[in-house]
Amino acid sequence: MTERIEKLTSALRDNPRSVRFTELCKICEHYFGKPRQRSGSHRVYKMPWAGDPRISIQESRGMAKVYQAKQVLAAIDRLESEHDRK
């Protein structure tokens, strides 16, 4: 993981209320790849586990929505815990 992504992810964990949408996009692209949908203020990322799970993030005045930032953190935690089990 790059140092920049580590800093962004750490800042997200410290305060999910004050993350910029563009920063959350960078974090998501690092962990989940390019968005499968990009329309207007929304980005939809496919999760790497079974089924059809996805995370949709949305811009609100330049910032990410708090509940969506928390969903991203939960998905990162799940991804890391599954990776640790292997």
Protein backbone atom coordinates (compact mmCIF):
# COMPACT_ATOMS: atom_id res chain seq x y z
CA MET A 1 0.00 0.00 0.00
CA THR A 2 1.35 3.38 -0.86
CA GLU A 3 2.12 5.85 1.87
CA ARG A 4 -0.46 8.29 0.46
CA ILE A 5 -3.26 5.70 0.63
CA GLU A 6 -2.19 4.73 4.15
CA LYS A 7 -2.46 8.37 5.26
CA LEU A 8 -5.85 8.81 3.58
CA THR A 9 -7.20 5.59 5.09
CA SER A 10 -5.89 6.52 8.52
CA ALA A 11 -7.54 9.95 8.28
CA LEU A 12 -10.77 8.27 7.19
CA ARG A 13 -10.67 5.98 10.23
CA ASP A 14 -9.92 8.91 12.55
CA ASN A 15 -12.76 11.06 11.26
CA PRO A 16 -15.16 9.69 8.62
CA ARG A 17 -17.15 12.93 8.84
CA SER A 18 -14.50 15.05 7.17
CA VAL A 19 -13.30 13.09 4.15
CA ARG A 20 -13.36 14.64 0.71
CA PHE A 21 -15.19 12.74 -2.00
CA THR A 22 -12.09 12.69 -4.23
CA GLU A 23 -10.03 11.18 -1.41
CA LEU A 24 -12.63 8.49 -0.78
CA CYS A 25 -12.58 7.71 -4.52
CA LYS A 26 -8.79 7.23 -4.36
CA ILE A 27 -9.14 4.89 -1.38
CA CYS A 28 -11.88 2.88 -3.10
CA GLU A 29 -9.92 2.58 -6.34
CA HIS A 30 -6.90 1.33 -4.43
CA TYR A 31 -8.83 -1.38 -2.59
CA PHE A 32 -11.60 -2.26 -5.06
CA GLY A 33 -10.38 -1.15 -8.49
CA LYS A 34 -11.96 1.24 -10.95
CA PRO A 35 -15.65 2.03 -10.40
CA ARG A 36 -18.00 -0.01 -12.51
CA GLN A 37 -20.29 2.96 -12.82
CA ARG A 38 -19.44 6.64 -12.92
CA SER A 39 -22.33 8.97 -13.39
CA GLY A 40 -22.46 12.49 -12.09
CA SER A 41 -21.76 12.58 -8.41
CA HIS A 42 -21.95 8.79 -7.88
CA ARG A 43 -19.31 6.07 -8.08
CA VAL A 44 -20.21 2.38 -7.74
CA TYR A 45 -17.50 -0.10 -6.75
CA LYS A 46 -17.88 -3.88 -6.94
CA MET A 47 -16.69 -5.79 -3.93
CA PRO A 48 -14.45 -8.83 -4.48
CA TRP A 49 -16.58 -11.35 -2.58
CA ALA A 50 -19.43 -13.61 -3.67
CA GLY A 51 -22.81 -12.36 -4.72
CA ASP A 52 -23.31 -8.94 -6.19
CA PRO A 53 -22.18 -6.66 -3.37
CA ARG A 54 -21.25 -3.10 -4.16
CA ILE A 55 -20.60 0.20 -2.52
CA SER A 56 -22.00 3.38 -3.94
CA ILE A 57 -20.46 6.64 -2.86
CA GLN A 58 -21.88 10.06 -3.55
CA GLU A 59 -20.52 13.57 -3.46
CA SER A 60 -22.21 16.15 -1.27
CA ARG A 61 -20.70 19.63 -1.59
CA GLY A 62 -17.25 18.20 -2.21
CA MET A 63 -17.41 15.81 0.73
CA ALA A 64 -18.25 12.13 1.03
CA LYS A 65 -21.40 11.19 2.90
CA VAL A 66 -20.60 9.89 6.38
CA TYR A 67 -22.61 6.67 6.22
CA GLN A 68 -20.97 5.81 2.89
CA ALA A 69 -17.49 6.49 4.30
CA LYS A 70 -18.31 4.08 7.14
CA GLN A 71 -19.48 1.47 4.60
CA VAL A 72 -16.15 1.80 2.81
CA LEU A 73 -14.29 1.28 6.10
CA ALA A 74 -16.35 -1.83 6.86
CA ALA A 75 -15.61 -3.22 3.38
CA ILE A 76 -11.88 -2.53 3.79
CA ASP A 77 -11.91 -4.28 7.18
CA ARG A 78 -13.68 -7.30 5.67
CA LEU A 79 -11.27 -7.40 2.74
CA GLU A 80 -8.25 -7.24 5.05
CA SER A 81 -9.63 -9.90 7.43
CA GLU A 82 -10.32 -12.28 4.52
CA HIS A 83 -6.83 -11.63 3.17
CA ASP A 84 -5.33 -12.39 6.60
CA ARG A 85 -7.11 -15.76 6.73
CA LYS A 86 -5.44 -16.94 3.52
